[in-house]
PDB file of all heavy atoms in Angstrom:
ATOM      1  N   PHE A   1     -11.115  -3.066  -3.813  1.00  0.00           N
ATOM      2  CA  PHE A   1     -10.898  -2.004  -2.811  1.00  0.00           C
ATOM      3  C   PHE A   1      -9.658  -1.178  -3.147  1.00  0.00           C
ATOM      4  O   PHE A   1      -8.798  -0.937  -2.324  1.00  0.00           O
ATOM      5  CB  PHE A   1     -10.820  -2.561  -1.384  1.00  0.00           C
ATOM      6  CG  PHE A   1     -10.134  -3.899  -1.236  1.00  0.00           C
ATOM      7  CD1 PHE A   1      -8.796  -4.059  -1.528  1.00  0.00           C
ATOM      8  CD2 PHE A   1     -10.845  -5.003  -0.798  1.00  0.00           C
ATOM      9  CE1 PHE A   1      -8.166  -5.272  -1.387  1.00  0.00           C
ATOM     10  CE2 PHE A   1     -10.226  -6.241  -0.652  1.00  0.00           C
ATOM     11  CZ  PHE A   1      -8.876  -6.370  -0.940  1.00  0.00           C
ATOM     12  N   TYR A   2      -9.625  -0.773  -4.439  1.00  0.00           N
ATOM     13  CA  TYR A   2      -8.509   0.030  -4.920  1.00  0.00           C
ATOM     14  C   TYR A   2      -9.007   1.281  -5.634  1.00  0.00           C
ATOM     15  O   TYR A   2     -10.045   1.254  -6.298  1.00  0.00           O
ATOM     16  CB  TYR A   2      -7.658  -0.759  -5.923  1.00  0.00           C
ATOM     17  CG  TYR A   2      -7.187  -2.091  -5.406  1.00  0.00           C
ATOM     18  CD1 TYR A   2      -7.756  -3.274  -5.885  1.00  0.00           C
ATOM     19  CD2 TYR A   2      -6.193  -2.171  -4.443  1.00  0.00           C
ATOM     20  CE1 TYR A   2      -7.329  -4.511  -5.412  1.00  0.00           C
ATOM     21  CE2 TYR A   2      -5.764  -3.405  -3.961  1.00  0.00           C
ATOM     22  CZ  TYR A   2      -6.338  -4.565  -4.440  1.00  0.00           C
ATOM     23  OH  TYR A   2      -5.924  -5.780  -3.978  1.00  0.00           O
ATOM     24  N   LEU A   3      -8.218   2.352  -5.494  1.00  0.00           N
ATOM     25  CA  LEU A   3      -8.415   3.550  -6.310  1.00  0.00           C
ATOM     26  C   LEU A   3      -7.158   3.692  -7.157  1.00  0.00           C
ATOM     27  O   LEU A   3      -6.042   3.466  -6.675  1.00  0.00           O
ATOM     28  CB  LEU A   3      -8.618   4.780  -5.422  1.00  0.00           C
ATOM     29  CG  LEU A   3      -9.083   6.047  -6.144  1.00  0.00           C
ATOM     30  CD1 LEU A   3     -10.495   5.851  -6.710  1.00  0.00           C
ATOM     31  CD2 LEU A   3      -9.081   7.251  -5.192  1.00  0.00           C
ATOM     32  N   PHE A   4      -7.340   4.060  -8.434  1.00  0.00           N
ATOM     33  CA  PHE A   4      -6.230   4.096  -9.388  1.00  0.00           C
ATOM     34  C   PHE A   4      -6.227   5.453 -10.097  1.00  0.00           C
ATOM     35  O   PHE A   4      -6.523   5.545 -11.293  1.00  0.00           O
ATOM     36  CB  PHE A   4      -6.398   2.936 -10.370  1.00  0.00           C
ATOM     37  CG  PHE A   4      -5.138   2.492 -11.052  1.00  0.00           C
ATOM     38  CD1 PHE A   4      -4.069   1.975 -10.330  1.00  0.00           C
ATOM     39  CD2 PHE A   4      -5.019   2.563 -12.435  1.00  0.00           C
ATOM     40  CE1 PHE A   4      -2.913   1.535 -10.967  1.00  0.00           C
ATOM     41  CE2 PHE A   4      -3.869   2.135 -13.087  1.00  0.00           C
ATOM     42  CZ  PHE A   4      -2.808   1.609 -12.352  1.00  0.00           C
ATOM     43  N   PRO A   5      -5.904   6.519  -9.369  1.00  0.00           N
ATOM     44  CA  PRO A   5      -5.974   7.859  -9.966  1.00  0.00           C
ATOM     45  C   PRO A   5      -4.885   8.096 -11.009  1.00  0.00           C
ATOM     46  O   PRO A   5      -3.777   7.563 -10.913  1.00  0.00           O
ATOM     47  CB  PRO A   5      -5.769   8.798  -8.771  1.00  0.00           C
ATOM     48  CG  PRO A   5      -5.899   7.951  -7.552  1.00  0.00           C
ATOM     49  CD  PRO A   5      -5.500   6.576  -7.958  1.00  0.00           C
ATOM     50  N   LYS A   6      -5.211   8.933 -11.976  1.00  0.00           N
ATOM     51  CA  LYS A   6      -4.238   9.358 -12.989  1.00  0.00           C
ATOM     52  C   LYS A   6      -3.490  10.564 -12.439  1.00  0.00           C
ATOM     53  O   LYS A   6      -4.110  11.566 -12.038  1.00  0.00           O
ATOM     54  CB  LYS A   6      -4.979   9.704 -14.286  1.00  0.00           C
ATOM     55  CG  LYS A   6      -4.072   9.981 -15.470  1.00  0.00           C
ATOM     56  CD  LYS A   6      -4.897  10.175 -16.737  1.00  0.00           C
ATOM     57  CE  LYS A   6      -4.004  10.460 -17.934  1.00  0.00           C
ATOM     58  NZ  LYS A   6      -4.800  10.714 -19.149  1.00  0.00           N
ATOM     59  N   ILE A   7      -2.153  10.471 -12.431  1.00  0.00           N
ATOM     60  CA  ILE A   7      -1.361  11.553 -11.809  1.00  0.00           C
ATOM     61  C   ILE A   7      -0.246  12.049 -12.736  1.00  0.00           C
ATOM     62  O   ILE A   7       0.742  12.638 -12.273  1.00  0.00           O
ATOM     63  CB  ILE A   7      -0.786  11.109 -10.433  1.00  0.00           C
ATOM     64  CG1 ILE A   7      -0.248   9.671 -10.457  1.00  0.00           C
ATOM     65  CG2 ILE A   7      -1.834  11.226  -9.351  1.00  0.00           C
ATOM     66  CD1 ILE A   7       1.130   9.488 -10.970  1.00  0.00           C
ATOM     67  N   SER A   8      -0.435  11.850 -14.046  1.00  0.00           N
ATOM     68  CA  SER A   8       0.607  12.274 -15.003  1.00  0.00           C
ATOM     69  C   SER A   8       0.795  13.793 -15.017  1.00  0.00           C
ATOM     70  O   SER A   8       1.815  14.289 -15.511  1.00  0.00           O
ATOM     71  CB  SER A   8       0.282  11.760 -16.402  1.00  0.00           C
ATOM     72  OG  SER A   8      -1.037  12.084 -16.776  1.00  0.00           O
ATOM     73  N   ASN A   9      -0.179  14.535 -14.462  1.00  0.00           N
ATOM     74  CA  ASN A   9      -0.033  15.999 -14.358  1.00  0.00           C
ATOM     75  C   ASN A   9       1.190  16.399 -13.534  1.00  0.00           C
ATOM     76  O   ASN A   9       1.686  17.523 -13.645  1.00  0.00           O
ATOM     77  CB  ASN A   9      -1.278  16.613 -13.696  1.00  0.00           C
ATOM     78  CG  ASN A   9      -2.495  16.557 -14.593  1.00  0.00           C
ATOM     79  OD1 ASN A   9      -2.383  16.752 -15.795  1.00  0.00           O
ATOM     80  ND2 ASN A   9      -3.660  16.274 -14.035  1.00  0.00           N
ATOM     81  N   PHE A  10       1.658  15.489 -12.666  1.00  0.00           N
ATOM     82  CA  PHE A  10       2.782  15.824 -11.783  1.00  0.00           C
ATOM     83  C   PHE A  10       4.138  15.481 -12.392  1.00  0.00           C
ATOM     84  O   PHE A  10       5.167  15.844 -11.822  1.00  0.00           O
ATOM     85  CB  PHE A  10       2.631  15.086 -10.436  1.00  0.00           C
ATOM     86  CG  PHE A  10       1.437  15.538  -9.642  1.00  0.00           C
ATOM     87  CD1 PHE A  10       0.255  14.808  -9.656  1.00  0.00           C
ATOM     88  CD2 PHE A  10       1.482  16.710  -8.899  1.00  0.00           C
ATOM     89  CE1 PHE A  10      -0.858  15.219  -8.939  1.00  0.00           C
ATOM     90  CE2 PHE A  10       0.372  17.131  -8.176  1.00  0.00           C
ATOM     91  CZ  PHE A  10      -0.800  16.392  -8.193  1.00  0.00           C
ATOM     92  N   PHE A  11       4.147  14.798 -13.543  1.00  0.00           N
ATOM     93  CA  PHE A  11       5.422  14.397 -14.135  1.00  0.00           C
ATOM     94  C   PHE A  11       6.191  15.637 -14.586  1.00  0.00           C
ATOM     95  O   PHE A  11       5.636  16.539 -15.228  1.00  0.00           O
ATOM     96  CB  PHE A  11       5.214  13.446 -15.317  1.00  0.00           C
ATOM     97  CG  PHE A  11       4.581  12.127 -14.923  1.00  0.00           C
ATOM     98  CD1 PHE A  11       4.120  11.243 -15.893  1.00  0.00           C
ATOM     99  CD2 PHE A  11       4.419  11.763 -13.588  1.00  0.00           C
ATOM    100  CE1 PHE A  11       3.540  10.027 -15.549  1.00  0.00           C
ATOM    101  CE2 PHE A  11       3.834  10.551 -13.227  1.00  0.00           C
ATOM    102  CZ  PHE A  11       3.389   9.681 -14.211  1.00  0.00           C
ATOM    103  N   GLY A  12       7.465  15.663 -14.228  1.00  0.00           N
ATOM    104  CA  GLY A  12       8.303  16.819 -14.543  1.00  0.00           C
ATOM    105  C   GLY A  12       8.295  17.892 -13.469  1.00  0.00           C
ATOM    106  O   GLY A  12       9.073  18.843 -13.526  1.00  0.00           O
ATOM    107  N   LYS A  13       7.427  17.732 -12.463  1.00  0.00           N
ATOM    108  CA  LYS A  13       7.352  18.739 -11.395  1.00  0.00           C
ATOM    109  C   LYS A  13       8.306  18.372 -10.251  1.00  0.00           C
ATOM    110  O   LYS A  13       8.716  17.218 -10.099  1.00  0.00           O
ATOM    111  CB  LYS A  13       5.922  18.864 -10.883  1.00  0.00           C
ATOM    112  CG  LYS A  13       4.989  19.425 -11.959  1.00  0.00           C
ATOM    113  CD  LYS A  13       3.631  19.798 -11.411  1.00  0.00           C
ATOM    114  CE  LYS A  13       2.797  20.482 -12.495  1.00  0.00           C
ATOM    115  NZ  LYS A  13       1.449  20.845 -12.014  1.00  0.00           N
ATOM    116  N   SER A  14       8.640  19.389  -9.448  1.00  0.00           N
ATOM    117  CA  SER A  14       9.637  19.197  -8.401  1.00  0.00           C
ATOM    118  C   SER A  14       9.263  19.958  -7.135  1.00  0.00           C
ATOM    119  O   SER A  14       8.573  20.986  -7.203  1.00  0.00           O
ATOM    120  CB  SER A  14      10.999  19.690  -8.917  1.00  0.00           C
ATOM    121  OG  SER A  14      11.945  19.709  -7.881  1.00  0.00           O
ATOM    122  N   ASP A  15       9.724  19.444  -5.987  1.00  0.00           N
ATOM    123  CA  ASP A  15       9.531  20.179  -4.731  1.00  0.00           C
ATOM    124  C   ASP A  15      10.786  20.967  -4.382  1.00  0.00           C
ATOM    125  O   ASP A  15      10.923  21.493  -3.273  1.00  0.00           O
ATOM    126  CB  ASP A  15       9.180  19.217  -3.590  1.00  0.00           C
ATOM    127  CG  ASP A  15      10.319  18.271  -3.228  1.00  0.00           C
ATOM    128  OD1 ASP A  15      11.316  18.220  -3.979  1.00  0.00           O
ATOM    129  OD2 ASP A  15      10.216  17.570  -2.203  1.00  0.00           O
ATOM    130  N   GLY A  16      11.720  21.039  -5.346  1.00  0.00           N
ATOM    131  CA  GLY A  16      12.984  21.745  -5.106  1.00  0.00           C
ATOM    132  C   GLY A  16      14.123  20.794  -4.819  1.00  0.00           C
ATOM    133  O   GLY A  16      15.288  21.099  -5.062  1.00  0.00           O
ATOM    134  N   GLU A  17      13.796  19.611  -4.275  1.00  0.00           N
ATOM    135  CA  GLU A  17      14.835  18.620  -3.952  1.00  0.00           C
ATOM    136  C   GLU A  17      14.767  17.404  -4.864  1.00  0.00           C
ATOM    137  O   GLU A  17      15.773  16.839  -5.235  1.00  0.00           O
ATOM    138  CB  GLU A  17      14.700  18.174  -2.498  1.00  0.00           C
ATOM    139  CG  GLU A  17      15.074  19.255  -1.506  1.00  0.00           C
ATOM    140  CD  GLU A  17      14.971  18.783  -0.064  1.00  0.00           C
ATOM    141  OE1 GLU A  17      14.934  17.557   0.160  1.00  0.00           O
ATOM    142  OE2 GLU A  17      14.910  19.652   0.828  1.00  0.00           O
ATOM    143  N   ARG A  18      13.550  16.988  -5.189  1.00  0.00           N
ATOM    144  CA  ARG A  18      13.406  15.815  -6.064  1.00  0.00           C
ATOM    145  C   ARG A  18      12.383  16.098  -7.147  1.00  0.00           C
ATOM    146  O   ARG A  18      11.427  16.845  -6.926  1.00  0.00           O
ATOM    147  CB  ARG A  18      13.034  14.574  -5.260  1.00  0.00           C
ATOM    148  CG  ARG A  18      11.736  14.677  -4.512  1.00  0.00           C
ATOM    149  CD  ARG A  18      11.352  13.318  -3.955  1.00  0.00           C
ATOM    150  NE  ARG A  18      11.964  13.052  -2.675  1.00  0.00           N
ATOM    151  CZ  ARG A  18      12.068  11.839  -2.131  1.00  0.00           C
ATOM    152  NH1 ARG A  18      11.617  10.791  -2.777  1.00  0.00           N
ATOM    153  NH2 ARG A  18      12.600  11.674  -0.944  1.00  0.00           N
ATOM    154  N   THR A  19      12.602  15.486  -8.310  1.00  0.00           N
ATOM    155  CA  THR A  19      11.714  15.666  -9.454  1.00  0.00           C
ATOM    156  C   THR A  19      10.933  14.376  -9.686  1.00  0.00           C
ATOM    157  O   THR A  19      11.491  13.274  -9.579  1.00  0.00           O
ATOM    158  CB  THR A  19      12.519  16.032 -10.714  1.00  0.00           C
ATOM    159  OG1 THR A  19      13.244  17.234 -10.447  1.00  0.00           O
ATOM    160  CG2 THR A  19      11.602  16.252 -11.907  1.00  0.00           C
ATOM    161  N   ILE A  20       9.659  14.511 -10.021  1.00  0.00           N
ATOM    162  CA  ILE A  20       8.796  13.349 -10.300  1.00  0.00           C
ATOM    163  C   ILE A  20       8.833  13.074 -11.797  1.00  0.00           C
ATOM    164  O   ILE A  20       8.308  13.861 -12.598  1.00  0.00           O
ATOM    165  CB  ILE A  20       7.335  13.622  -9.845  1.00  0.00           C
ATOM    166  CG1 ILE A  20       7.273  14.070  -8.376  1.00  0.00           C
ATOM    167  CG2 ILE A  20       6.477  12.389 -10.088  1.00  0.00           C
ATOM    168  CD1 ILE A  20       7.829  13.108  -7.379  1.00  0.00           C
ATOM    169  N   ASN A  21       9.481  11.979 -12.189  1.00  0.00           N
ATOM    170  CA  ASN A  21       9.564  11.630 -13.604  1.00  0.00           C
ATOM    171  C   ASN A  21       8.535  10.590 -14.038  1.00  0.00           C
ATOM    172  O   ASN A  21       8.206  10.486 -15.215  1.00  0.00           O
ATOM    173  CB  ASN A  21      10.973  11.108 -13.931  1.00  0.00           C
ATOM    174  CG  ASN A  21      12.025  12.192 -13.770  1.00  0.00           C
ATOM    175  OD1 ASN A  21      11.838  13.292 -14.270  1.00  0.00           O
ATOM    176  ND2 ASN A  21      13.085  11.898 -13.037  1.00  0.00           N
ATOM    177  N   ASN A  22       8.043   9.796 -13.086  1.00  0.00           N
ATOM    178  CA  ASN A  22       7.098   8.722 -13.412  1.00  0.00           C
ATOM    179  C   ASN A  22       6.305   8.333 -12.164  1.00  0.00           C
ATOM    180  O   ASN A  22       6.511   8.919 -11.094  1.00  0.00           O
ATOM    181  CB  ASN A  22       7.842   7.504 -13.975  1.00  0.00           C
ATOM    182  CG  ASN A  22       9.004   7.089 -13.076  1.00  0.00           C
ATOM    183  OD1 ASN A  22       8.845   6.939 -11.873  1.00  0.00           O
ATOM    184  ND2 ASN A  22      10.189   6.925 -13.671  1.00  0.00           N
ATOM    185  N   SER A  23       5.428   7.343 -12.313  1.00  0.00           N
ATOM    186  CA  SER A  23       4.545   6.993 -11.194  1.00  0.00           C
ATOM    187  C   SER A  23       5.298   6.313 -10.056  1.00  0.00           C
ATOM    188  O   SER A  23       4.892   6.424  -8.894  1.00  0.00           O
ATOM    189  CB  SER A  23       3.393   6.105 -11.681  1.00  0.00           C
ATOM    190  OG  SER A  23       3.868   4.868 -12.145  1.00  0.00           O
ATOM    191  N   THR A  24       6.401   5.628 -10.372  1.00  0.00           N
ATOM    192  CA  THR A  24       7.198   5.029  -9.294  1.00  0.00           C
ATOM    193  C   THR A  24       7.838   6.123  -8.444  1.00  0.00           C
ATOM    194  O   THR A  24       7.844   6.047  -7.210  1.00  0.00           O
ATOM    195  CB  THR A  24       8.278   4.092  -9.881  1.00  0.00           C
ATOM    196  OG1 THR A  24       7.623   3.047 -10.619  1.00  0.00           O
ATOM    197  CG2 THR A  24       9.124   3.476  -8.784  1.00  0.00           C
ATOM    198  N   ASP A  25       8.361   7.163  -9.112  1.00  0.00           N
ATOM    199  CA  ASP A  25       8.891   8.325  -8.376  1.00  0.00           C
ATOM    200  C   ASP A  25       7.805   8.927  -7.491  1.00  0.00           C
ATOM    201  O   ASP A  25       8.058   9.306  -6.339  1.00  0.00           O
ATOM    202  CB  ASP A  25       9.360   9.419  -9.348  1.00  0.00           C
ATOM    203  CG  ASP A  25      10.675   9.080 -10.039  1.00  0.00           C
ATOM    204  OD1 ASP A  25      11.297   8.069  -9.669  1.00  0.00           O
ATOM    205  OD2 ASP A  25      11.052   9.832 -10.957  1.00  0.00           O
ATOM    206  N   PHE A  26       6.595   9.017  -8.051  1.00  0.00           N
ATOM    207  CA  PHE A  26       5.477   9.625  -7.318  1.00  0.00           C
ATOM    208  C   PHE A  26       5.158   8.808  -6.064  1.00  0.00           C
ATOM    209  O   PHE A  26       5.006   9.362  -4.966  1.00  0.00           O
ATOM    210  CB  PHE A  26       4.248   9.701  -8.230  1.00  0.00           C
ATOM    211  CG  PHE A  26       3.086  10.455  -7.645  1.00  0.00           C
ATOM    212  CD1 PHE A  26       3.054  11.839  -7.671  1.00  0.00           C
ATOM    213  CD2 PHE A  26       2.014   9.781  -7.062  1.00  0.00           C
ATOM    214  CE1 PHE A  26       1.980  12.546  -7.130  1.00  0.00           C
ATOM    215  CE2 PHE A  26       0.945  10.477  -6.514  1.00  0.00           C
ATOM    216  CZ  PHE A  26       0.925  11.861  -6.549  1.00  0.00           C
ATOM    217  N   ALA A  27       5.096   7.475  -6.216  1.00  0.00           N
ATOM    218  CA  ALA A  27       4.787   6.608  -5.064  1.00  0.00           C
ATOM    219  C   ALA A  27       5.891   6.694  -4.006  1.00  0.00           C
ATOM    220  O   ALA A  27       5.604   6.726  -2.800  1.00  0.00           O
ATOM    221  CB  ALA A  27       4.592   5.169  -5.535  1.00  0.00           C
TER     222      ALA A  27
END
């Protein structure tokens, strides 16, 4: 009962305050 999406497209992106460098940052 898990979904495991690939989200590497977001690495290096930012909302202006924080930057997503890896999947832990994303979570």
